[in-house]
Amino acid sequence: MSELQTQLTKLLKSKPQVLYTVGREDSFVAVVKQARELGFKGYIASVGIDTPNVWKGLGDQAEGIISGNVAGLADSPKFDSAYEKRFGEKPDWIALYAYTIGKYLFPIVLQAKGDREKIRYALSNLNVVSDRGDLKMSPDRKVINKGIVYIRKAGRNVPVSGRGQ
């Protein structure tokens, strides 16, 4: 019995309704598969796991997985189409996140000509509309974004309404 299987077996004896796990693609897929093989039928939740590799690796076992992300990242047809045309594959949320950061950060840096105070000032007043929704920063340069929770249904991420869905 693997160490993962031993830990999951011990954990599942307490009959949890939800299994929350943290890990990157391969480790997350391994946890989900092991938990399902051990008979766990409850919800499995995580963040940062919304990638094509995870969904492909899990197949039907992805059904019912709950994941959190930044609102707006799940649906950007314009970006998705351009990315797929250029790279021959569908983008994950990380690609969209990096793209939108570049779209606002590069012009700020270029306009400031390397002046750190000008960059700080521009970031503390950031308020742009992007492919992932409105992007705003507080005066102390903290990103202000709405989070969203998704549940995997029939091969798609469906936003959870918060009303017992």
Protein backbone atom coordinates (compact mmCIF):
# COMPACT_ATOMS: atom_id res chain seq x y z
CA MET A 1 0.00 0.00 0.00
CA SER A 2 1.42 3.41 -0.99
CA GLU A 3 1.87 6.19 1.56
CA LEU A 4 -0.87 8.18 -0.20
CA GLN A 5 -3.27 5.26 -0.04
CA THR A 6 -2.44 4.70 3.64
CA GLN A 7 -3.11 8.36 4.48
CA LEU A 8 -6.34 8.47 2.48
CA THR A 9 -7.58 5.21 4.03
CA LYS A 10 -7.01 6.64 7.52
CA LEU A 11 -8.65 9.95 6.59
CA LEU A 12 -11.68 8.37 4.92
CA LYS A 13 -12.47 6.32 8.02
CA SER A 14 -13.84 9.54 9.52
CA LYS A 15 -16.42 9.64 6.68
CA PRO A 16 -15.83 13.24 5.54
CA GLN A 17 -18.37 14.91 3.25
CA VAL A 18 -15.65 16.98 1.55
CA LEU A 19 -12.01 16.23 0.87
CA TYR A 20 -9.91 19.37 0.44
CA THR A 21 -6.54 18.81 -1.14
CA VAL A 22 -3.71 21.02 -2.33
CA GLY A 23 -1.31 20.01 -5.04
CA ARG A 24 -0.26 20.59 -8.60
CA GLU A 25 -1.61 18.70 -11.55
CA ASP A 26 -0.17 15.20 -11.19
CA SER A 27 -0.39 15.06 -7.41
CA PHE A 28 -3.99 16.32 -7.45
CA VAL A 29 -4.97 13.72 -10.07
CA ALA A 30 -3.32 10.98 -7.96
CA VAL A 31 -5.22 12.02 -4.81
CA VAL A 32 -8.57 12.14 -6.60
CA LYS A 33 -8.06 8.78 -8.29
CA GLN A 34 -6.94 7.10 -5.06
CA ALA A 35 -9.83 8.60 -3.10
CA ARG A 36 -12.36 7.45 -5.70
CA GLU A 37 -10.79 3.97 -5.83
CA LEU A 38 -11.13 3.79 -2.05
CA GLY A 39 -14.84 4.50 -2.43
CA PHE A 40 -15.00 8.21 -1.54
CA LYS A 41 -18.16 9.61 -3.12
CA GLY A 42 -18.16 13.06 -1.50
CA TYR A 43 -16.98 16.36 -2.89
CA ILE A 44 -13.32 17.00 -3.58
CA ALA A 45 -12.22 20.64 -3.45
CA SER A 46 -9.05 22.52 -4.35
CA VAL A 47 -7.77 25.75 -5.88
CA GLY A 48 -5.50 26.29 -8.87
CA ILE A 49 -6.27 22.93 -10.45
CA ASP A 50 -8.31 24.13 -13.43
CA THR A 51 -6.02 22.90 -16.20
CA PRO A 52 -6.58 20.71 -19.26
CA ASN A 53 -4.06 18.19 -17.85
CA VAL A 54 -6.10 17.73 -14.68
CA TRP A 55 -9.41 17.30 -16.49
CA LYS A 56 -7.90 14.94 -19.05
CA GLY A 57 -6.11 12.95 -16.32
CA LEU A 58 -9.31 12.56 -14.32
CA GLY A 59 -11.83 12.00 -17.10
CA ASP A 60 -15.21 11.11 -15.56
CA GLN A 61 -13.66 11.15 -12.07
CA ALA A 62 -13.56 14.97 -12.32
CA GLU A 63 -17.33 15.15 -11.97
CA GLY A 64 -18.29 17.10 -8.85
CA ILE A 65 -14.85 18.57 -8.16
CA ILE A 66 -15.09 22.03 -6.62
CA SER A 67 -12.46 24.63 -7.44
CA GLY A 68 -11.98 28.29 -6.65
CA ASN A 69 -10.59 30.88 -8.97
CA VAL A 70 -10.71 34.54 -9.85
CA ALA A 71 -14.08 35.54 -11.29
CA GLY A 72 -14.11 35.81 -15.06
CA LEU A 73 -11.28 33.39 -15.76
CA ALA A 74 -13.54 30.55 -16.76
CA ASP A 75 -15.14 32.19 -19.80
CA SER A 76 -13.15 34.29 -22.23
CA PRO A 77 -14.12 33.15 -25.75
CA LYS A 78 -12.07 35.88 -27.48
CA PHE A 79 -8.87 34.92 -25.67
CA ASP A 80 -9.57 31.18 -25.91
CA SER A 81 -10.02 31.37 -29.70
CA ALA A 82 -6.88 33.44 -30.30
CA TYR A 83 -4.78 31.22 -28.02
CA GLU A 84 -6.02 28.00 -29.62
CA LYS A 85 -5.36 29.38 -33.11
CA ARG A 86 -1.78 30.33 -32.19
CA PHE A 87 -0.77 27.35 -30.01
CA GLY A 88 -3.06 24.57 -31.24
CA GLU A 89 -4.51 23.85 -27.80
CA LYS A 90 -7.02 25.34 -25.42
CA PRO A 91 -5.59 27.68 -22.78
CA ASP A 92 -5.82 27.12 -19.07
CA TRP A 93 -6.56 29.85 -16.53
CA ILE A 94 -2.83 30.43 -15.99
CA ALA A 95 -2.38 31.48 -19.63
CA LEU A 96 -5.27 33.95 -19.42
CA TYR A 97 -4.04 35.27 -16.08
CA ALA A 98 -0.53 35.87 -17.46
CA TYR A 99 -1.89 37.45 -20.64
CA THR A 100 -4.06 39.95 -18.76
CA ILE A 101 -1.22 40.87 -16.41
CA GLY A 102 1.01 41.59 -19.40
CA LYS A 103 -1.69 43.69 -21.06
CA TYR A 104 -1.77 46.16 -18.15
CA LEU A 105 1.73 45.82 -16.71
CA PHE A 106 3.86 46.28 -19.85
CA PRO A 107 2.31 49.67 -20.76
CA ILE A 108 2.73 50.88 -17.17
CA VAL A 109 6.41 49.93 -17.10
CA LEU A 110 7.08 51.42 -20.54
CA GLN A 111 5.30 54.66 -19.73
CA ALA A 112 7.13 54.98 -16.38
CA LYS A 113 10.49 54.44 -18.14
CA GLY A 114 11.77 52.41 -15.21
CA ASP A 115 10.79 54.94 -12.54
CA ARG A 116 9.73 52.79 -9.59
CA GLU A 117 7.61 55.52 -7.98
CA LYS A 118 5.66 56.04 -11.21
CA ILE A 119 5.11 52.29 -11.49
CA ARG A 120 3.91 52.10 -7.87
CA TYR A 121 1.59 55.06 -8.41
CA ALA A 122 0.13 53.59 -11.62
CA LEU A 123 -0.47 50.22 -9.94
CA SER A 124 -2.09 51.83 -6.90
CA ASN A 125 -4.59 53.47 -9.28
CA LEU A 126 -5.12 50.52 -11.60
CA ASN A 127 -8.67 50.19 -12.85
CA VAL A 128 -8.93 48.39 -16.21
CA VAL A 129 -11.31 46.08 -18.02
CA SER A 130 -9.61 42.95 -19.32
CA ASP A 131 -10.42 39.58 -20.82
CA ARG A 132 -10.85 38.27 -17.28
CA GLY A 133 -13.07 41.06 -16.07
CA ASP A 134 -12.47 44.26 -14.14
CA LEU A 135 -9.02 44.58 -12.60
CA LYS A 136 -8.53 47.02 -9.76
CA MET A 137 -5.85 47.64 -7.16
CA SER A 138 -6.07 49.30 -3.80
CA PRO A 139 -3.86 52.28 -2.92
CA ASP A 140 -1.44 49.84 -1.24
CA ARG A 141 -1.30 47.84 -4.52
CA LYS A 142 -3.34 44.81 -3.48
CA VAL A 143 -5.37 43.26 -6.28
CA ILE A 144 -9.11 43.58 -5.75
CA ASN A 145 -10.88 40.79 -7.61
CA LYS A 146 -14.00 38.82 -6.94
CA GLY A 147 -13.47 35.15 -6.39
CA ILE A 148 -15.75 32.48 -7.77
CA VAL A 149 -16.37 28.84 -6.95
CA TYR A 150 -16.96 26.28 -9.68
CA ILE A 151 -18.18 22.72 -9.67
CA ARG A 152 -17.24 20.34 -12.50
CA LYS A 153 -20.36 19.05 -14.30
CA ALA A 154 -20.44 17.16 -17.59
CA GLY A 155 -16.91 18.24 -18.52
CA ARG A 156 -17.40 21.94 -17.77
CA ASN A 157 -16.84 24.31 -14.86
CA VAL A 158 -20.21 25.59 -13.69
CA PRO A 159 -20.32 28.54 -11.27
CA VAL A 160 -21.88 27.65 -7.93
CA SER A 161 -24.69 30.06 -7.20
CA GLY A 162 -24.45 29.83 -3.42
CA ARG A 163 -28.08 28.77 -3.17
CA GLY A 164 -27.68 25.08 -2.54
CA GLN A 165 -26.90 24.26 -6.17
